Amino acid sequence: MYHLVSWFFIYSFLGWLWETCYVSAKEGEWVNRGFINGPFCTIYGCGALAVYLVLYPFQENLLILYFGGVIVATALEYVTAVLMENIFHTSWWDYSDKKFNFQGRICLGASVGWGFFTVGLFKILHPAVEKIVALYPQRVGEIVIYVIVVVYAVDFCFSAAAAFHLRDRIPAWEQALEQMQGELLLKGRQKMDALEESMGVTRQALKEKISLKPDYPAVLVELEKKRAVIMADINKELRKYKESMAGKFGHNIKRFVKSYPNLNRGYKLHRKERQEHEAK
């Protein structure tokens, strides 16, 4: 049990490190990708232990390790997504924009990656983790684990309370965001109308994407670029607005909204399921 708990926290930390560094680099700013405030991403700890315990008897067979990792990790990811969506009515990851996804909760690309991760865990990562745990006396490790467990439990309780509070606030936020989105889209449309007029492009030409004027294709390309910039600005404004609303309700809620921009997807799914149930 001592070793299992030690491995769990080490893998949770490594998972948090990977997620946080990757997302922070992608966003160009610091993003804490854990459910709790501390440097732990629980699903990575659970996933690493799950594939290790289930596939340990097959550790010499790379083929079984790979496909077993795909199955075990994907199942865990799906079950976790469903549980968190039902408990908190929020989505903590969303693969809806990925190819070959299922309900936005899992996707082929991620599952393929879990297979490679599993092979790497058995052949490279876990031997290193075992060496790390062996570096210090077990008594010292036990004391450290007791401290981490207490701090983790307190942190988790505060984070869970914030997640429940967020669940209660999302309906009002959705209404405010829809209104703000409508206003921003109207402003964006007005900007595009002004650009089209200044560049001498007719609405009919835009609809048909063709014209007798030889310079129209280049103009259309330029307009598409400007349209993309305007839409990016709208999304940025909406995100800032959402974060400003979240900031009124404490650090944890603001962190959730900043780190997980698709949280409201879980609310929408829950609302849709409830409406379908009431319709029956």
Protein backbone atom coordinates (compact mmCIF):
# COMPACT_ATOMS: atom_id res chain seq x y z
CA MET A 1 0.00 0.00 0.00
CA TYR A 2 2.88 2.36 0.78
CA HIS A 3 4.32 1.88 -2.69
CA LEU A 4 0.94 2.18 -4.42
CA VAL A 5 0.17 5.48 -2.70
CA SER A 6 3.67 6.77 -3.44
CA TRP A 7 3.34 5.83 -7.10
CA PHE A 8 -0.11 7.43 -7.25
CA PHE A 9 1.14 10.83 -6.09
CA ILE A 10 4.25 10.71 -8.26
CA TYR A 11 2.23 9.89 -11.38
CA SER A 12 -0.38 12.50 -10.44
CA PHE A 13 2.40 15.08 -10.18
CA LEU A 14 4.00 14.02 -13.48
CA GLY A 15 0.58 14.15 -15.17
CA TRP A 16 -0.05 17.62 -13.78
CA LEU A 17 3.41 18.72 -14.96
CA TRP A 18 2.75 17.45 -18.48
CA GLU A 19 -0.77 18.91 -18.75
CA THR A 20 0.17 22.26 -17.25
CA CYS A 21 3.31 22.75 -19.34
CA TYR A 22 1.59 21.67 -22.56
CA VAL A 23 -1.51 23.84 -22.11
CA SER A 24 0.47 26.81 -20.76
CA ALA A 25 2.78 26.71 -23.80
CA LYS A 26 -0.22 26.40 -26.11
CA GLU A 27 -2.10 29.30 -24.49
CA GLY A 28 0.97 31.49 -23.97
CA GLU A 29 0.19 31.97 -20.28
CA TRP A 30 0.25 30.02 -17.03
CA VAL A 31 -2.63 27.53 -16.75
CA ASN A 32 -3.01 25.19 -13.74
CA ARG A 33 -4.55 22.03 -15.21
CA GLY A 34 -5.41 20.24 -12.00
CA PHE A 35 -8.81 19.81 -10.36
CA ILE A 36 -7.20 20.85 -7.09
CA ASN A 37 -4.90 23.81 -6.47
CA GLY A 38 -1.90 21.61 -5.69
CA PRO A 39 0.40 20.11 -8.35
CA PHE A 40 -1.54 16.89 -8.87
CA CYS A 41 -3.70 15.65 -11.74
CA THR A 42 -5.62 12.78 -10.17
CA ILE A 43 -6.76 11.04 -13.34
CA TYR A 44 -3.13 10.46 -14.37
CA GLY A 45 -2.36 8.85 -11.03
CA CYS A 46 -5.45 6.65 -11.28
CA GLY A 47 -4.75 5.83 -14.92
CA ALA A 48 -1.12 4.88 -14.34
CA LEU A 49 -2.00 2.61 -11.42
CA ALA A 50 -4.93 1.07 -13.30
CA VAL A 51 -2.90 0.07 -16.37
CA TYR A 52 0.00 -1.09 -14.18
CA LEU A 53 -2.11 -3.32 -11.92
CA VAL A 54 -4.27 -4.72 -14.74
CA LEU A 55 -1.46 -5.32 -17.23
CA TYR A 56 1.38 -6.29 -14.88
CA PRO A 57 1.05 -10.02 -15.75
CA PHE A 58 1.61 -9.14 -19.43
CA GLN A 59 4.53 -6.73 -19.03
CA GLU A 60 6.76 -8.74 -21.37
CA ASN A 61 4.26 -8.70 -24.23
CA LEU A 62 4.42 -5.33 -25.98
CA LEU A 63 1.37 -6.02 -28.13
CA ILE A 64 -0.86 -6.78 -25.14
CA LEU A 65 0.60 -3.82 -23.26
CA TYR A 66 -0.23 -1.46 -26.09
CA PHE A 67 -3.79 -2.56 -26.81
CA GLY A 68 -4.47 -3.23 -23.15
CA GLY A 69 -3.37 0.32 -22.38
CA VAL A 70 -5.67 1.67 -25.09
CA ILE A 71 -8.65 -0.20 -23.61
CA VAL A 72 -8.01 0.39 -19.89
CA ALA A 73 -7.04 4.07 -20.15
CA THR A 74 -9.83 4.91 -22.59
CA ALA A 75 -12.42 3.18 -20.39
CA LEU A 76 -11.15 5.09 -17.36
CA GLU A 77 -11.24 8.38 -19.27
CA TYR A 78 -14.80 7.78 -20.43
CA VAL A 79 -16.10 6.71 -17.01
CA THR A 80 -14.40 9.69 -15.34
CA ALA A 81 -15.91 12.11 -17.87
CA VAL A 82 -19.42 10.69 -17.33
CA LEU A 83 -19.09 10.77 -13.53
CA MET A 84 -17.81 14.35 -13.41
CA GLU A 85 -20.44 15.55 -15.86
CA ASN A 86 -23.20 13.96 -13.78
CA ILE A 87 -21.82 15.13 -10.44
CA PHE A 88 -20.77 18.67 -11.35
CA HIS A 89 -22.74 19.17 -14.62
CA THR A 90 -19.51 20.39 -16.21
CA SER A 91 -17.06 18.99 -18.79
CA TRP A 92 -13.39 18.91 -17.85
CA TRP A 93 -12.20 17.97 -21.34
CA ASP A 94 -13.86 17.99 -24.74
CA TYR A 95 -12.84 16.07 -27.87
CA SER A 96 -15.82 17.25 -29.92
CA ASP A 97 -13.55 18.98 -32.44
CA LYS A 98 -11.36 15.89 -32.87
CA LYS A 99 -11.85 13.23 -35.54
CA PHE A 100 -13.32 9.88 -34.51
CA ASN A 101 -14.52 11.07 -31.11
CA PHE A 102 -17.34 9.52 -29.09
CA GLN A 103 -19.65 11.98 -27.31
CA GLY A 104 -16.71 14.36 -26.99
CA ARG A 105 -15.48 12.30 -24.02
CA ILE A 106 -12.95 10.08 -25.77
CA CYS A 107 -11.32 10.10 -29.20
CA LEU A 108 -9.16 7.82 -31.31
CA GLY A 109 -6.10 10.09 -31.20
CA ALA A 110 -6.02 10.19 -27.40
CA SER A 111 -6.62 6.43 -27.15
CA VAL A 112 -3.72 5.71 -29.50
CA GLY A 113 -1.57 7.94 -27.30
CA TRP A 114 -2.62 6.04 -24.16
CA GLY A 115 -1.32 2.84 -25.74
CA PHE A 116 2.12 4.32 -26.30
CA PHE A 117 2.04 5.83 -22.82
CA THR A 118 1.36 2.39 -21.34
CA VAL A 119 4.34 0.81 -23.11
CA GLY A 120 6.54 3.71 -22.02
CA LEU A 121 5.28 3.39 -18.47
CA PHE A 122 6.31 -0.26 -18.17
CA LYS A 123 9.60 0.01 -20.03
CA ILE A 124 10.89 3.45 -19.00
CA LEU A 125 8.79 5.45 -16.57
CA HIS A 126 7.88 2.96 -13.86
CA PRO A 127 11.44 1.66 -13.29
CA ALA A 128 12.46 5.30 -12.77
CA VAL A 129 9.56 5.90 -10.37
CA GLU A 130 10.53 2.81 -8.35
CA LYS A 131 14.07 4.15 -8.08
CA ILE A 132 12.77 7.51 -6.86
CA VAL A 133 10.74 5.84 -4.09
CA ALA A 134 13.80 3.78 -3.10
CA LEU A 135 15.95 6.91 -2.66
CA TYR A 136 14.59 7.73 0.82
CA PRO A 137 13.80 5.58 3.88
CA GLN A 138 10.28 4.20 4.03
CA ARG A 139 9.64 5.87 7.39
CA VAL A 140 10.43 9.27 5.87
CA GLY A 141 8.23 8.44 2.89
CA GLU A 142 5.33 7.48 5.16
CA ILE A 143 5.51 10.79 7.03
CA VAL A 144 5.60 12.71 3.74
CA ILE A 145 2.62 10.72 2.43
CA TYR A 146 0.58 11.42 5.58
CA VAL A 147 1.21 15.14 5.14
CA ILE A 148 0.42 15.06 1.40
CA VAL A 149 -2.79 13.06 1.97
CA VAL A 150 -4.07 15.56 4.55
CA VAL A 151 -3.22 18.58 2.39
CA TYR A 152 -4.62 16.85 -0.70
CA ALA A 153 -7.89 15.98 1.09
CA VAL A 154 -8.39 19.55 2.30
CA ASP A 155 -7.55 20.95 -1.13
CA PHE A 156 -9.90 18.48 -2.80
CA CYS A 157 -12.78 19.40 -0.47
CA PHE A 158 -12.39 23.12 -1.21
CA SER A 159 -12.08 22.44 -4.95
CA ALA A 160 -15.13 20.17 -4.96
CA ALA A 161 -17.15 22.80 -3.08
CA ALA A 162 -16.11 25.37 -5.68
CA ALA A 163 -17.10 22.97 -8.50
CA PHE A 164 -20.57 22.49 -6.95
CA HIS A 165 -20.93 26.26 -6.60
CA LEU A 166 -19.86 26.66 -10.21
CA ARG A 167 -22.53 24.16 -11.24
CA ASP A 168 -25.16 26.36 -9.61
CA ARG A 169 -23.86 29.52 -11.31
CA ILE A 170 -23.53 28.20 -14.87
CA PRO A 171 -27.23 28.60 -15.89
CA ALA A 172 -27.12 32.35 -15.13
CA TRP A 173 -23.71 32.66 -16.78
CA GLU A 174 -24.93 30.93 -19.92
CA GLN A 175 -27.73 33.44 -20.29
CA ALA A 176 -25.35 36.38 -19.78
CA LEU A 177 -22.81 34.87 -22.19
CA GLU A 178 -25.42 34.32 -24.89
CA GLN A 179 -26.43 37.97 -24.63
CA MET A 180 -22.80 39.12 -24.73
CA GLN A 181 -22.08 36.80 -27.68
CA GLY A 182 -25.02 38.25 -29.60
CA GLU A 183 -23.77 41.79 -29.03
CA LEU A 184 -20.20 40.90 -30.06
CA LEU A 185 -21.37 39.04 -33.19
CA LEU A 186 -23.45 42.05 -34.19
CA LYS A 187 -20.40 44.31 -33.82
CA GLY A 188 -18.34 41.79 -35.78
CA ARG A 189 -20.90 41.72 -38.57
CA GLN A 190 -20.86 45.53 -38.70
CA LYS A 191 -17.06 45.50 -39.00
CA MET A 192 -17.24 42.96 -41.84
CA ASP A 193 -19.90 45.02 -43.63
CA ALA A 194 -17.64 48.07 -43.40
CA LEU A 195 -14.66 46.07 -44.71
CA GLU A 196 -16.64 44.62 -47.62
CA GLU A 197 -17.86 48.06 -48.56
CA SER A 198 -14.37 49.62 -48.32
CA MET A 199 -12.90 46.81 -50.48
CA GLY A 200 -15.68 47.04 -53.05
CA VAL A 201 -16.98 43.51 -52.60
CA THR A 202 -20.71 42.92 -53.13
CA ARG A 203 -22.74 40.56 -50.92
CA GLN A 204 -23.80 38.59 -54.00
CA ALA A 205 -20.15 38.02 -54.98
CA LEU A 206 -19.42 36.76 -51.49
CA LYS A 207 -22.32 34.31 -51.66
CA GLU A 208 -21.24 32.98 -55.04
CA LYS A 209 -17.50 33.18 -54.27
CA ILE A 210 -16.96 34.20 -57.92
CA SER A 211 -16.95 37.42 -59.91
CA LEU A 212 -15.98 38.86 -63.27
CA LYS A 213 -13.41 41.06 -61.57
CA PRO A 214 -9.97 39.38 -61.74
CA ASP A 215 -8.82 40.78 -58.38
CA TYR A 216 -11.81 39.38 -56.43
CA PRO A 217 -10.23 36.03 -55.42
CA ALA A 218 -7.35 37.82 -53.67
CA VAL A 219 -9.85 40.18 -52.01
CA LEU A 220 -11.91 37.25 -50.77
CA VAL A 221 -8.82 35.61 -49.28
CA GLU A 222 -7.99 38.85 -47.48
CA LEU A 223 -11.55 39.13 -46.20
CA GLU A 224 -11.45 35.57 -44.85
CA LYS A 225 -8.27 36.41 -42.95
CA LYS A 226 -9.86 39.51 -41.45
CA ARG A 227 -13.00 37.53 -40.59
CA ALA A 228 -10.86 34.98 -38.74
CA VAL A 229 -9.19 37.78 -36.77
CA ILE A 230 -12.56 39.30 -35.84
CA MET A 231 -13.91 35.91 -34.68
CA ALA A 232 -10.75 35.29 -32.64
CA ASP A 233 -11.21 38.68 -30.98
CA ILE A 234 -14.85 37.83 -30.20
CA ASN A 235 -13.86 34.51 -28.60
CA LYS A 236 -11.15 36.27 -26.61
CA GLU A 237 -13.62 38.87 -25.34
CA LEU A 238 -16.12 36.17 -24.37
CA ARG A 239 -13.43 34.28 -22.47
CA LYS A 240 -12.36 37.42 -20.61
CA TYR A 241 -15.98 38.17 -19.76
CA LYS A 242 -16.49 34.64 -18.45
CA GLU A 243 -13.33 34.83 -16.33
CA SER A 244 -14.35 38.21 -14.94
CA MET A 245 -17.71 36.76 -13.84
CA ALA A 246 -15.96 33.77 -12.29
CA GLY A 247 -13.51 36.00 -10.44
CA LYS A 248 -16.36 37.37 -8.33
CA PHE A 249 -16.87 33.96 -6.73
CA GLY A 250 -13.36 33.08 -5.60
CA HIS A 251 -9.99 31.84 -6.76
CA ASN A 252 -10.97 28.23 -7.44
CA ILE A 253 -13.92 29.04 -9.69
CA LYS A 254 -11.85 31.55 -11.64
CA ARG A 255 -9.10 28.92 -12.03
CA PHE A 256 -11.60 26.33 -13.28
CA VAL A 257 -13.03 28.69 -15.89
CA LYS A 258 -9.57 29.73 -17.07
CA SER A 259 -8.14 26.20 -17.18
CA TYR A 260 -11.18 24.43 -18.64
CA PRO A 261 -12.91 26.66 -21.24
CA ASN A 262 -15.42 23.93 -22.19
CA LEU A 263 -16.90 23.48 -18.70
CA ASN A 264 -20.33 24.66 -19.84
CA ARG A 265 -20.54 21.78 -22.34
CA GLY A 266 -21.38 19.43 -19.44
CA TYR A 267 -24.18 21.76 -18.34
CA LYS A 268 -25.61 21.83 -21.86
CA LEU A 269 -25.52 18.03 -22.09
CA HIS A 270 -27.21 17.67 -18.70
CA ARG A 271 -29.87 20.23 -19.66
CA LYS A 272 -30.53 18.45 -22.97
CA GLU A 273 -30.88 15.06 -21.25
CA ARG A 274 -33.24 16.56 -18.68
CA GLN A 275 -35.38 18.17 -21.37
CA GLU A 276 -35.56 14.90 -23.31
CA HIS A 277 -36.56 13.05 -20.13
CA GLU A 278 -39.29 15.60 -19.34
CA ALA A 279 -40.56 15.41 -22.93
CA LYS A 280 -41.09 11.65 -22.52
